[in-house]
Amino acid sequence: MGISGNNNRKKGEEYENQAAQYLQQKGFRILEHNFYSHCGEIDLVAKDKDYLVFVEVKYRKNDRGGHPLETVDVRKQRRVCRTAEYYCLSHGLGETTPCRFDVVGIIGNEIIHVEDAFLSYK
C-alpha cells in the first residue's frame, strides 16, 4: 500500500471512530471496528438494545460529488450482508438473532445516521 493508501486508511479510521463515538452517545455498544472476512469488511459492529447492528460509515468533505449515503449501492449492501452472515456464523449466532444494517454518513462536521438503511440480501 502506498503513502496515499495509508493516509486514506488513517482518515477512514478517524471517521469510523467519530461515527463510533456518535453511536455510543446514542446508547450503542461498539463490539468491533473493521471486521474483515473473505467476503468483505464491516466498519462497525454494534449492539443497540436487542439488535446486532452492522454499520457502514461513509465520509465526504462536501456533497458536491454526491451524498455519502448514495455510495452504499446494492453491490456494497450485498457485500456487507455476506460479511454480516459470516460474522454471525463465526460468533455462533443463530438466524434468530435480530440484526439490522445502519449507515452513518459524514459530510464535513454533520453526521447523518440512518437506522435500518437496507434489508439483508440472501
N, C-alpha and C. Protein backbone atom coordinates (compact mmCIF):
# COMPACT_ATOMS: atom_id res chain seq x y z
N MET A 1 0.84 -1.17 0.00
CA MET A 1 0.00 0.00 0.00
C MET A 1 0.89 1.24 0.00
N GLY A 2 0.60 2.20 -0.88
CA GLY A 2 1.40 3.41 -0.98
C GLY A 2 1.09 4.38 0.14
N ILE A 3 1.79 5.50 0.10
CA ILE A 3 1.60 6.51 1.13
C ILE A 3 0.17 7.03 1.14
N SER A 4 -0.40 7.31 -0.04
CA SER A 4 -1.78 7.82 -0.07
C SER A 4 -2.75 6.76 0.44
N GLY A 5 -2.47 5.49 0.19
CA GLY A 5 -3.32 4.42 0.72
C GLY A 5 -3.32 4.41 2.24
N ASN A 6 -2.14 4.61 2.83
CA ASN A 6 -2.05 4.68 4.29
C ASN A 6 -2.78 5.90 4.82
N ASN A 7 -2.65 7.03 4.13
CA ASN A 7 -3.35 8.24 4.56
C ASN A 7 -4.86 8.06 4.47
N ASN A 8 -5.35 7.43 3.40
CA ASN A 8 -6.78 7.18 3.26
C ASN A 8 -7.28 6.25 4.35
N ARG A 9 -6.50 5.23 4.67
CA ARG A 9 -6.90 4.29 5.72
C ARG A 9 -6.94 5.01 7.07
N LYS A 10 -5.93 5.86 7.31
CA LYS A 10 -5.88 6.61 8.57
C LYS A 10 -7.08 7.55 8.68
N LYS A 11 -7.39 8.24 7.57
CA LYS A 11 -8.54 9.14 7.54
C LYS A 11 -9.83 8.36 7.77
N GLY A 12 -9.94 7.21 7.11
CA GLY A 12 -11.11 6.36 7.28
C GLY A 12 -11.30 5.96 8.73
N GLU A 13 -10.21 5.59 9.39
CA GLU A 13 -10.28 5.22 10.80
C GLU A 13 -10.76 6.38 11.66
N GLU A 14 -10.30 7.59 11.34
CA GLU A 14 -10.74 8.78 12.09
C GLU A 14 -12.25 8.95 12.00
N TYR A 15 -12.80 8.81 10.81
CA TYR A 15 -14.24 8.99 10.63
C TYR A 15 -15.03 7.83 11.22
N GLU A 16 -14.49 6.63 11.16
CA GLU A 16 -15.14 5.49 11.79
C GLU A 16 -15.16 5.68 13.30
N ASN A 17 -14.07 6.20 13.87
CA ASN A 17 -14.04 6.48 15.31
C ASN A 17 -15.03 7.58 15.67
N GLN A 18 -15.15 8.58 14.81
CA GLN A 18 -16.13 9.65 15.04
C GLN A 18 -17.55 9.08 15.03
N ALA A 19 -17.82 8.20 14.07
CA ALA A 19 -19.14 7.56 13.99
C ALA A 19 -19.38 6.69 15.22
N ALA A 20 -18.35 5.96 15.66
CA ALA A 20 -18.48 5.11 16.84
C ALA A 20 -18.82 5.94 18.08
N GLN A 21 -18.14 7.06 18.25
CA GLN A 21 -18.43 7.94 19.40
C GLN A 21 -19.86 8.46 19.33
N TYR A 22 -20.28 8.84 18.14
CA TYR A 22 -21.65 9.33 17.95
C TYR A 22 -22.66 8.24 18.35
N LEU A 23 -22.44 7.03 17.88
CA LEU A 23 -23.35 5.93 18.19
C LEU A 23 -23.33 5.60 19.68
N GLN A 24 -22.15 5.65 20.30
CA GLN A 24 -22.06 5.40 21.74
C GLN A 24 -22.87 6.42 22.52
N GLN A 25 -22.85 7.67 22.08
CA GLN A 25 -23.64 8.71 22.73
C GLN A 25 -25.14 8.43 22.61
N LYS A 26 -25.52 7.70 21.56
CA LYS A 26 -26.92 7.32 21.37
C LYS A 26 -27.27 6.02 22.11
N GLY A 27 -26.30 5.46 22.84
CA GLY A 27 -26.56 4.26 23.63
C GLY A 27 -26.11 2.96 23.00
N PHE A 28 -25.45 3.01 21.86
CA PHE A 28 -24.93 1.80 21.22
C PHE A 28 -23.69 1.33 21.97
N ARG A 29 -23.47 0.01 21.95
CA ARG A 29 -22.23 -0.55 22.46
C ARG A 29 -21.45 -1.07 21.26
N ILE A 30 -20.27 -0.53 21.04
CA ILE A 30 -19.45 -0.94 19.90
C ILE A 30 -18.76 -2.26 20.24
N LEU A 31 -18.97 -3.26 19.41
CA LEU A 31 -18.38 -4.58 19.62
C LEU A 31 -17.08 -4.76 18.84
N GLU A 32 -17.06 -4.23 17.62
CA GLU A 32 -15.88 -4.40 16.77
C GLU A 32 -15.73 -3.23 15.81
N HIS A 33 -14.49 -2.92 15.52
CA HIS A 33 -14.13 -1.97 14.47
C HIS A 33 -13.51 -2.78 13.33
N ASN A 34 -13.89 -2.51 12.11
CA ASN A 34 -13.29 -3.13 10.93
C ASN A 34 -13.23 -4.65 11.01
N PHE A 35 -14.39 -5.28 11.01
CA PHE A 35 -14.44 -6.73 10.95
C PHE A 35 -14.19 -7.17 9.51
N TYR A 36 -13.15 -7.96 9.33
CA TYR A 36 -12.78 -8.44 7.99
C TYR A 36 -13.09 -9.93 7.86
N SER A 37 -13.49 -10.32 6.66
CA SER A 37 -13.62 -11.73 6.31
C SER A 37 -13.29 -11.86 4.83
N HIS A 38 -13.34 -13.08 4.33
CA HIS A 38 -13.10 -13.29 2.91
C HIS A 38 -14.20 -12.64 2.06
N CYS A 39 -15.33 -12.33 2.67
CA CYS A 39 -16.46 -11.72 1.95
C CYS A 39 -16.33 -10.21 1.82
N GLY A 40 -15.65 -9.59 2.77
CA GLY A 40 -15.55 -8.13 2.77
C GLY A 40 -15.26 -7.60 4.15
N GLU A 41 -15.64 -6.35 4.36
CA GLU A 41 -15.36 -5.67 5.63
C GLU A 41 -16.61 -4.95 6.10
N ILE A 42 -16.78 -4.90 7.41
CA ILE A 42 -17.83 -4.09 8.03
C ILE A 42 -17.13 -3.09 8.94
N ASP A 43 -17.46 -1.82 8.76
CA ASP A 43 -16.77 -0.77 9.50
C ASP A 43 -16.97 -0.89 11.01
N LEU A 44 -18.23 -1.04 11.45
CA LEU A 44 -18.52 -1.16 12.88
C LEU A 44 -19.57 -2.24 13.10
N VAL A 45 -19.38 -3.00 14.16
CA VAL A 45 -20.40 -3.93 14.61
C VAL A 45 -20.78 -3.45 16.01
N ALA A 46 -22.08 -3.28 16.23
CA ALA A 46 -22.52 -2.69 17.49
C ALA A 46 -23.75 -3.41 18.01
N LYS A 47 -24.08 -3.11 19.24
CA LYS A 47 -25.30 -3.63 19.86
C LYS A 47 -26.16 -2.42 20.20
N ASP A 48 -27.41 -2.43 19.75
CA ASP A 48 -28.38 -1.39 20.08
C ASP A 48 -29.61 -2.08 20.64
N LYS A 49 -29.73 -2.05 21.94
CA LYS A 49 -30.78 -2.78 22.66
C LYS A 49 -30.68 -4.26 22.28
N ASP A 50 -31.71 -4.81 21.66
CA ASP A 50 -31.68 -6.24 21.31
C ASP A 50 -31.06 -6.51 19.95
N TYR A 51 -30.74 -5.47 19.21
CA TYR A 51 -30.25 -5.64 17.83
C TYR A 51 -28.73 -5.69 17.74
N LEU A 52 -28.27 -6.60 16.90
CA LEU A 52 -26.89 -6.61 16.46
C LEU A 52 -26.89 -5.73 15.21
N VAL A 53 -26.07 -4.68 15.21
CA VAL A 53 -26.12 -3.69 14.13
C VAL A 53 -24.80 -3.67 13.38
N PHE A 54 -24.90 -3.81 12.07
CA PHE A 54 -23.75 -3.74 11.19
C PHE A 54 -23.78 -2.35 10.55
N VAL A 55 -22.71 -1.59 10.75
CA VAL A 55 -22.71 -0.18 10.36
C VAL A 55 -21.67 0.09 9.28
N GLU A 56 -22.12 0.70 8.21
CA GLU A 56 -21.25 1.17 7.15
C GLU A 56 -21.08 2.67 7.35
N VAL A 57 -19.83 3.14 7.33
CA VAL A 57 -19.53 4.56 7.54
C VAL A 57 -18.98 5.14 6.24
N LYS A 58 -19.55 6.26 5.80
CA LYS A 58 -19.12 6.93 4.58
C LYS A 58 -18.89 8.40 4.87
N TYR A 59 -17.79 8.95 4.33
CA TYR A 59 -17.43 10.34 4.55
C TYR A 59 -17.25 11.07 3.22
N ARG A 60 -17.66 12.32 3.21
CA ARG A 60 -17.38 13.23 2.10
C ARG A 60 -17.09 14.60 2.72
N LYS A 61 -16.13 15.29 2.13
CA LYS A 61 -15.79 16.64 2.59
C LYS A 61 -16.99 17.57 2.40
N ASN A 62 -17.70 17.38 1.27
CA ASN A 62 -18.91 18.15 0.99
C ASN A 62 -19.77 17.28 0.06
N ASP A 63 -20.94 17.79 -0.31
CA ASP A 63 -21.84 16.96 -1.12
C ASP A 63 -21.75 17.25 -2.62
N ARG A 64 -20.69 17.93 -3.05
CA ARG A 64 -20.52 18.24 -4.49
C ARG A 64 -20.41 16.97 -5.32
N GLY A 65 -19.75 15.96 -4.80
CA GLY A 65 -19.59 14.71 -5.54
C GLY A 65 -20.68 13.70 -5.22
N GLY A 66 -21.75 14.15 -4.59
CA GLY A 66 -22.84 13.26 -4.19
C GLY A 66 -22.84 13.05 -2.68
N HIS A 67 -23.96 12.68 -2.19
CA HIS A 67 -24.13 12.43 -0.75
C HIS A 67 -23.45 11.11 -0.37
N PRO A 68 -22.79 11.05 0.78
CA PRO A 68 -22.10 9.81 1.14
C PRO A 68 -23.03 8.61 1.26
N LEU A 69 -24.29 8.85 1.63
CA LEU A 69 -25.22 7.73 1.77
C LEU A 69 -25.51 7.08 0.42
N GLU A 70 -25.37 7.83 -0.66
CA GLU A 70 -25.62 7.30 -2.00
C GLU A 70 -24.57 6.28 -2.43
N THR A 71 -23.43 6.28 -1.77
CA THR A 71 -22.35 5.37 -2.17
C THR A 71 -22.57 3.94 -1.68
N VAL A 72 -23.55 3.74 -0.82
CA VAL A 72 -23.84 2.39 -0.34
C VAL A 72 -24.87 1.78 -1.30
N ASP A 73 -24.36 1.37 -2.46
CA ASP A 73 -25.22 0.83 -3.50
C ASP A 73 -25.54 -0.64 -3.25
N VAL A 74 -26.31 -1.22 -4.14
CA VAL A 74 -26.75 -2.62 -3.98
C VAL A 74 -25.57 -3.57 -3.88
N ARG A 75 -24.54 -3.34 -4.68
CA ARG A 75 -23.35 -4.21 -4.62
C ARG A 75 -22.71 -4.16 -3.24
N LYS A 76 -22.56 -2.95 -2.69
CA LYS A 76 -21.97 -2.77 -1.36
C LYS A 76 -22.88 -3.40 -0.31
N GLN A 77 -24.17 -3.23 -0.44
CA GLN A 77 -25.11 -3.82 0.51
C GLN A 77 -24.99 -5.34 0.53
N ARG A 78 -24.88 -5.94 -0.64
CA ARG A 78 -24.73 -7.41 -0.71
C ARG A 78 -23.45 -7.86 -0.02
N ARG A 79 -22.37 -7.13 -0.25
CA ARG A 79 -21.08 -7.48 0.36
C ARG A 79 -21.16 -7.37 1.89
N VAL A 80 -21.79 -6.32 2.37
CA VAL A 80 -21.95 -6.13 3.82
C VAL A 80 -22.82 -7.26 4.39
N CYS A 81 -23.88 -7.62 3.69
CA CYS A 81 -24.77 -8.69 4.15
C CYS A 81 -24.05 -10.04 4.23
N ARG A 82 -23.24 -10.35 3.21
CA ARG A 82 -22.48 -11.61 3.23
C ARG A 82 -21.48 -11.61 4.39
N THR A 83 -20.84 -10.48 4.61
CA THR A 83 -19.88 -10.38 5.71
C THR A 83 -20.59 -10.49 7.05
N ALA A 84 -21.77 -9.91 7.15
CA ALA A 84 -22.57 -10.00 8.39
C ALA A 84 -22.97 -11.45 8.66
N GLU A 85 -23.35 -12.17 7.61
CA GLU A 85 -23.69 -13.59 7.77
C GLU A 85 -22.48 -14.36 8.31
N TYR A 86 -21.31 -14.07 7.74
CA TYR A 86 -20.09 -14.73 8.20
C TYR A 86 -19.80 -14.35 9.66
N TYR A 87 -20.00 -13.09 10.02
CA TYR A 87 -19.80 -12.64 11.40
C TYR A 87 -20.68 -13.47 12.35
N CYS A 88 -21.95 -13.57 12.00
CA CYS A 88 -22.88 -14.32 12.85
C CYS A 88 -22.47 -15.79 12.97
N LEU A 89 -22.10 -16.40 11.85
CA LEU A 89 -21.65 -17.79 11.87
C LEU A 89 -20.40 -17.96 12.73
N SER A 90 -19.43 -17.08 12.55
CA SER A 90 -18.16 -17.21 13.27
C SER A 90 -18.29 -16.88 14.76
N HIS A 91 -19.38 -16.23 15.14
CA HIS A 91 -19.60 -15.90 16.54
C HIS A 91 -20.70 -16.75 17.18
N GLY A 92 -21.12 -17.79 16.46
CA GLY A 92 -22.11 -18.73 17.00
C GLY A 92 -23.49 -18.13 17.18
N LEU A 93 -23.83 -17.14 16.38
CA LEU A 93 -25.14 -16.51 16.50
C LEU A 93 -26.08 -17.14 15.48
N GLY A 94 -27.24 -17.52 15.94
CA GLY A 94 -28.21 -18.19 15.08
C GLY A 94 -28.99 -17.21 14.22
N GLU A 95 -29.83 -17.78 13.36
CA GLU A 95 -30.64 -16.97 12.45
C GLU A 95 -31.71 -16.17 13.18
N THR A 96 -31.96 -16.50 14.44
CA THR A 96 -32.97 -15.77 15.20
C THR A 96 -32.42 -14.50 15.85
N THR A 97 -31.11 -14.27 15.72
CA THR A 97 -30.52 -13.05 16.27
C THR A 97 -31.04 -11.85 15.48
N PRO A 98 -31.70 -10.91 16.16
CA PRO A 98 -32.20 -9.74 15.43
C PRO A 98 -31.04 -8.85 14.98
N CYS A 99 -30.96 -8.62 13.67
CA CYS A 99 -29.88 -7.82 13.09
C CYS A 99 -30.48 -6.71 12.24
N ARG A 100 -29.69 -5.67 12.08
CA ARG A 100 -30.08 -4.62 11.13
C ARG A 100 -28.82 -3.98 10.56
N PHE A 101 -29.03 -3.24 9.48
CA PHE A 101 -27.93 -2.60 8.77
C PHE A 101 -28.15 -1.09 8.79
N ASP A 102 -27.23 -0.39 9.42
CA ASP A 102 -27.30 1.07 9.52
C ASP A 102 -26.19 1.68 8.67
N VAL A 103 -26.39 2.92 8.26
CA VAL A 103 -25.36 3.66 7.55
C VAL A 103 -25.18 5.00 8.26
N VAL A 104 -23.92 5.36 8.48
CA VAL A 104 -23.59 6.67 9.03
C VAL A 104 -22.87 7.44 7.93
N GLY A 105 -23.46 8.54 7.53
CA GLY A 105 -22.85 9.41 6.54
C GLY A 105 -22.32 10.65 7.22
N ILE A 106 -21.10 11.03 6.89
CA ILE A 106 -20.49 12.23 7.47
C ILE A 106 -20.14 13.18 6.32
N ILE A 107 -20.71 14.38 6.38
CA ILE A 107 -20.39 15.43 5.41
C ILE A 107 -19.81 16.59 6.22
N GLY A 108 -18.51 16.82 6.06
CA GLY A 108 -17.86 17.87 6.86
C GLY A 108 -17.99 17.52 8.34
N ASN A 109 -18.73 18.32 9.10
CA ASN A 109 -18.94 18.07 10.53
C ASN A 109 -20.32 17.52 10.84
N GLU A 110 -21.14 17.32 9.81
CA GLU A 110 -22.50 16.83 10.01
C GLU A 110 -22.53 15.30 9.95
N ILE A 111 -23.23 14.70 10.90
CA ILE A 111 -23.37 13.24 10.94
C ILE A 111 -24.84 12.89 10.71
N ILE A 112 -25.07 12.02 9.75
CA ILE A 112 -26.41 11.53 9.45
C ILE A 112 -26.42 10.03 9.71
N HIS A 113 -27.30 9.59 10.59
CA HIS A 113 -27.39 8.17 10.93
C HIS A 113 -28.72 7.64 10.43
N VAL A 114 -28.66 6.65 9.54
CA VAL A 114 -29.86 6.02 9.02
C VAL A 114 -29.94 4.62 9.59
N GLU A 115 -30.93 4.41 10.46
CA GLU A 115 -31.15 3.08 11.03
C GLU A 115 -31.92 2.23 10.01
N ASP A 116 -31.62 0.94 10.00
CA ASP A 116 -32.32 0.01 9.13
C ASP A 116 -32.27 0.52 7.68
N ALA A 117 -31.09 0.90 7.23
CA ALA A 117 -30.90 1.54 5.93
C ALA A 117 -31.19 0.62 4.76
N PHE A 118 -30.97 -0.68 4.95
CA PHE A 118 -31.27 -1.65 3.89
C PHE A 118 -31.53 -3.00 4.50
N LEU A 119 -32.16 -3.86 3.72
CA LEU A 119 -32.50 -5.22 4.17
C LEU A 119 -31.39 -6.18 3.81
N SER A 120 -31.39 -7.30 4.49
CA SER A 120 -30.40 -8.34 4.20
C SER A 120 -30.71 -8.99 2.85
N TYR A 121 -29.66 -9.25 2.09
CA TYR A 121 -29.79 -9.97 0.82
C TYR A 121 -29.35 -11.40 1.07
N LYS A 122 -30.19 -12.33 0.73
CA LYS A 122 -29.81 -13.74 0.90
C LYS A 122 -29.82 -14.43 -0.43
